[in-house]
Amino acid sequence: MACGGSSPNLAPASNALTDVQDCVTAAVAGDIITLASGTTSWAGTLTINKNITVIGNGCTLDANNRPTACNTIIQDATTGTLINIVPPACVACGGHPRLSSIEFRESSRNGTGVPFVVDGGSSEDDRRFRIDHVFFNQLDHSGVGAMQIATIYGLVDHNNFDTVDATRHAIFIYN
């Protein structure tokens, strides 16, 4: 396994998708997975299906507390979904999935899928999530936007959506 540290503080051996997914697999509710500084390209999907935090190594913030540059950069080389957040239905487990302080940048993406999908399933069972201080850099090539949110409660705060096309939506929300 390419995941170091011990609960509650985990760190992947590198920021490669397989190493980060290994840490997500090893994590338990409440754990924090900290990514190192640097730029990495992902050609697959990271699935976060636990009440854990995946956090980068800090961002430079503007006067409105939004990131303008981050130390951890993930380049999107997928043809589909880059990040899939599926919060667990266990309300008693406490917490929620959280993604913070990372820049996600357009790379060689040529697909039509939405880069970020947050899906609570088909029922209203108090699933929650948080995405904060993330820089979505040119990730709106799907025609729908950078993020799709469905059937869930959550918080998307202090993020920066730098879009390729001003006519596209940054976030598409449906129920």
Protein backbone atom coordinates (compact mmCIF):
# COMPACT_ATOMS: atom_id res chain seq x y z
CA MET A 1 0.00 0.00 0.00
CA ALA A 2 1.28 3.46 -0.90
CA CYS A 3 -0.26 5.25 2.07
CA GLY A 4 1.83 6.39 5.01
CA GLY A 5 1.02 7.70 8.44
CA SER A 6 -1.62 6.42 10.78
CA SER A 7 -5.16 7.41 11.62
CA PRO A 8 -6.13 10.24 11.81
CA ASN A 9 -3.25 11.66 9.70
CA LEU A 10 -2.48 9.89 6.42
CA ALA A 11 -0.18 10.83 3.54
CA PRO A 12 0.11 9.12 0.18
CA ALA A 13 3.61 8.07 -0.97
CA SER A 14 3.06 10.49 -3.88
CA ASN A 15 0.19 12.51 -5.31
CA ALA A 16 -0.35 9.85 -7.97
CA LEU A 17 -4.00 8.84 -8.25
CA THR A 18 -3.34 5.24 -7.16
CA ASP A 19 -1.48 6.37 -4.02
CA VAL A 20 -4.22 8.84 -3.04
CA GLN A 21 -6.92 6.23 -3.66
CA ASP A 22 -4.95 3.79 -1.45
CA CYS A 23 -5.16 6.33 1.37
CA VAL A 24 -8.89 6.85 0.82
CA THR A 25 -9.35 3.07 0.97
CA ALA A 26 -7.31 2.85 4.20
CA ALA A 27 -8.97 5.85 5.86
CA VAL A 28 -11.70 5.74 8.48
CA ALA A 29 -14.24 8.46 9.30
CA GLY A 30 -12.51 11.59 10.56
CA ASP A 31 -9.12 10.91 8.94
CA ILE A 32 -7.21 13.62 7.08
CA ILE A 33 -5.26 12.77 3.94
CA THR A 34 -2.67 15.46 3.21
CA LEU A 35 -1.25 15.76 -0.30
CA ALA A 36 2.26 17.13 -0.88
CA SER A 37 3.19 20.18 -2.94
CA GLY A 38 3.75 19.57 -6.63
CA THR A 39 1.96 18.94 -9.91
CA THR A 40 0.54 15.53 -10.87
CA SER A 41 -1.63 14.39 -13.75
CA TRP A 42 -4.57 12.04 -13.16
CA ALA A 43 -6.11 10.01 -15.98
CA GLY A 44 -8.72 8.32 -13.81
CA THR A 45 -11.32 8.99 -11.12
CA LEU A 46 -10.68 9.50 -7.38
CA THR A 47 -13.74 8.28 -5.46
CA ILE A 48 -14.27 9.66 -1.97
CA ASN A 49 -16.98 7.60 -0.26
CA LYS A 50 -16.12 8.17 3.40
CA ASN A 51 -16.39 11.04 5.88
CA ILE A 52 -12.74 12.06 5.45
CA THR A 53 -10.79 15.16 4.42
CA VAL A 54 -8.48 15.27 1.41
CA ILE A 55 -6.41 18.43 1.66
CA GLY A 56 -3.57 19.95 -0.34
CA ASN A 57 -0.51 21.79 0.92
CA GLY A 58 -1.99 25.28 1.03
CA CYS A 59 -3.09 28.01 -1.39
CA THR A 60 -2.45 31.71 -1.90
CA LEU A 61 -5.73 33.51 -1.16
CA ASP A 62 -7.12 36.77 -2.53
CA ALA A 63 -8.83 39.48 -0.49
CA ASN A 64 -12.07 37.46 -0.56
CA ASN A 65 -10.36 34.34 0.85
CA ARG A 66 -10.51 32.51 -2.52
CA PRO A 67 -7.48 30.63 -3.87
CA THR A 68 -5.50 32.19 -6.73
CA ALA A 69 -2.72 29.58 -6.76
CA CYS A 70 -2.22 26.35 -4.83
CA ASN A 71 0.87 24.34 -3.93
CA THR A 72 -0.85 21.03 -4.78
CA ILE A 73 -1.93 20.86 -8.43
CA ILE A 74 -3.82 17.97 -10.01
CA GLN A 75 -4.02 18.12 -13.80
CA ASP A 76 -7.15 16.62 -15.31
CA ALA A 77 -6.19 14.14 -18.06
CA THR A 78 -9.42 12.13 -17.86
CA THR A 79 -12.10 11.63 -20.45
CA GLY A 80 -14.77 11.49 -17.75
CA THR A 81 -15.08 12.29 -14.06
CA LEU A 82 -11.94 13.34 -12.16
CA ILE A 83 -13.43 13.46 -8.63
CA ASN A 84 -16.51 11.51 -7.54
CA ILE A 85 -17.75 12.31 -4.02
CA VAL A 86 -20.36 9.88 -2.72
CA PRO A 87 -21.01 10.60 0.97
CA PRO A 88 -21.97 7.61 3.10
CA ALA A 89 -25.56 7.29 4.29
CA CYS A 90 -24.42 6.80 7.89
CA VAL A 91 -25.60 9.95 9.67
CA ALA A 92 -24.42 8.62 13.05
CA CYS A 93 -20.86 8.29 11.69
CA GLY A 94 -20.40 12.05 11.99
CA GLY A 95 -18.53 14.39 9.71
CA HIS A 96 -18.71 14.59 5.95
CA PRO A 97 -16.37 14.24 2.97
CA ARG A 98 -14.27 17.38 2.53
CA LEU A 99 -11.95 18.49 -0.25
CA SER A 100 -9.74 21.54 0.40
CA SER A 101 -6.71 23.59 -0.70
CA ILE A 102 -6.02 21.94 -4.07
CA GLU A 103 -5.84 23.34 -7.59
CA PHE A 104 -7.49 21.22 -10.26
CA ARG A 105 -6.24 22.29 -13.67
CA GLU A 106 -7.21 21.47 -17.23
CA SER A 107 -4.53 19.37 -18.92
CA SER A 108 -5.25 17.05 -21.80
CA ARG A 109 -8.92 16.47 -21.04
CA ASN A 110 -10.90 15.59 -24.13
CA GLY A 111 -14.01 13.94 -22.74
CA THR A 112 -17.53 15.14 -22.21
CA GLY A 113 -18.03 14.10 -18.59
CA VAL A 114 -18.27 16.55 -15.70
CA PRO A 115 -14.90 16.77 -13.88
CA PHE A 116 -16.47 16.86 -10.37
CA VAL A 117 -19.56 14.88 -9.37
CA VAL A 118 -21.10 15.02 -5.89
CA ASP A 119 -24.00 12.60 -5.61
CA GLY A 120 -26.09 11.87 -2.54
CA GLY A 121 -28.00 9.04 -4.18
CA SER A 122 -31.72 8.91 -4.68
CA SER A 123 -32.91 9.58 -1.15
CA GLU A 124 -32.90 12.52 1.22
CA ASP A 125 -31.02 10.92 4.11
CA ASP A 126 -28.93 13.82 5.43
CA ARG A 127 -25.80 13.13 3.38
CA ARG A 128 -23.45 16.12 3.39
CA PHE A 129 -20.17 17.33 1.88
CA ARG A 130 -17.84 20.35 1.82
CA ILE A 131 -15.54 21.68 -0.90
CA ASP A 132 -13.55 24.74 0.15
CA HIS A 133 -10.52 26.75 -0.95
CA VAL A 134 -10.25 24.82 -4.21
CA PHE A 135 -9.08 26.45 -7.44
CA PHE A 136 -11.00 25.04 -10.42
CA ASN A 137 -8.68 26.21 -13.19
CA GLN A 138 -10.27 25.90 -16.67
CA LEU A 139 -12.28 22.76 -15.79
CA ASP A 140 -15.50 23.57 -17.61
CA HIS A 141 -15.13 21.69 -20.89
CA SER A 142 -18.14 19.44 -20.41
CA GLY A 143 -20.72 22.01 -21.41
CA VAL A 144 -22.36 21.59 -17.99
CA GLY A 145 -19.60 23.13 -15.90
CA ALA A 146 -16.86 22.09 -13.53
CA MET A 147 -19.11 20.51 -10.90
CA GLN A 148 -22.41 18.64 -10.82
CA ILE A 149 -24.24 18.31 -7.49
CA ALA A 150 -27.27 16.04 -7.03
CA THR A 151 -29.63 15.09 -4.19
CA ILE A 152 -27.43 16.19 -1.32
CA TYR A 153 -26.82 18.89 1.26
CA GLY A 154 -23.45 20.55 1.21
CA LEU A 155 -21.22 23.56 1.28
CA VAL A 156 -19.13 24.87 -1.61
CA ASP A 157 -17.32 27.90 -0.20
CA HIS A 158 -14.30 30.11 -0.84
CA ASN A 159 -13.48 28.49 -4.18
CA ASN A 160 -12.27 30.02 -7.42
CA PHE A 161 -13.89 28.92 -10.69
CA ASP A 162 -11.76 30.23 -13.56
CA THR A 163 -13.75 29.17 -16.61
CA VAL A 164 -12.75 28.73 -20.23
CA ASP A 165 -16.09 29.97 -21.50
CA ALA A 166 -18.02 32.62 -19.58
CA THR A 167 -21.31 31.25 -20.96
CA ARG A 168 -20.88 27.93 -19.13
CA HIS A 169 -21.94 27.27 -15.55
CA ALA A 170 -19.33 26.65 -12.86
CA ILE A 171 -21.75 24.46 -10.87
CA PHE A 172 -24.77 22.52 -12.13
CA ILE A 173 -27.18 21.58 -9.32
CA TYR A 174 -30.13 19.27 -9.75
CA ASN A 175 -32.41 17.18 -7.58
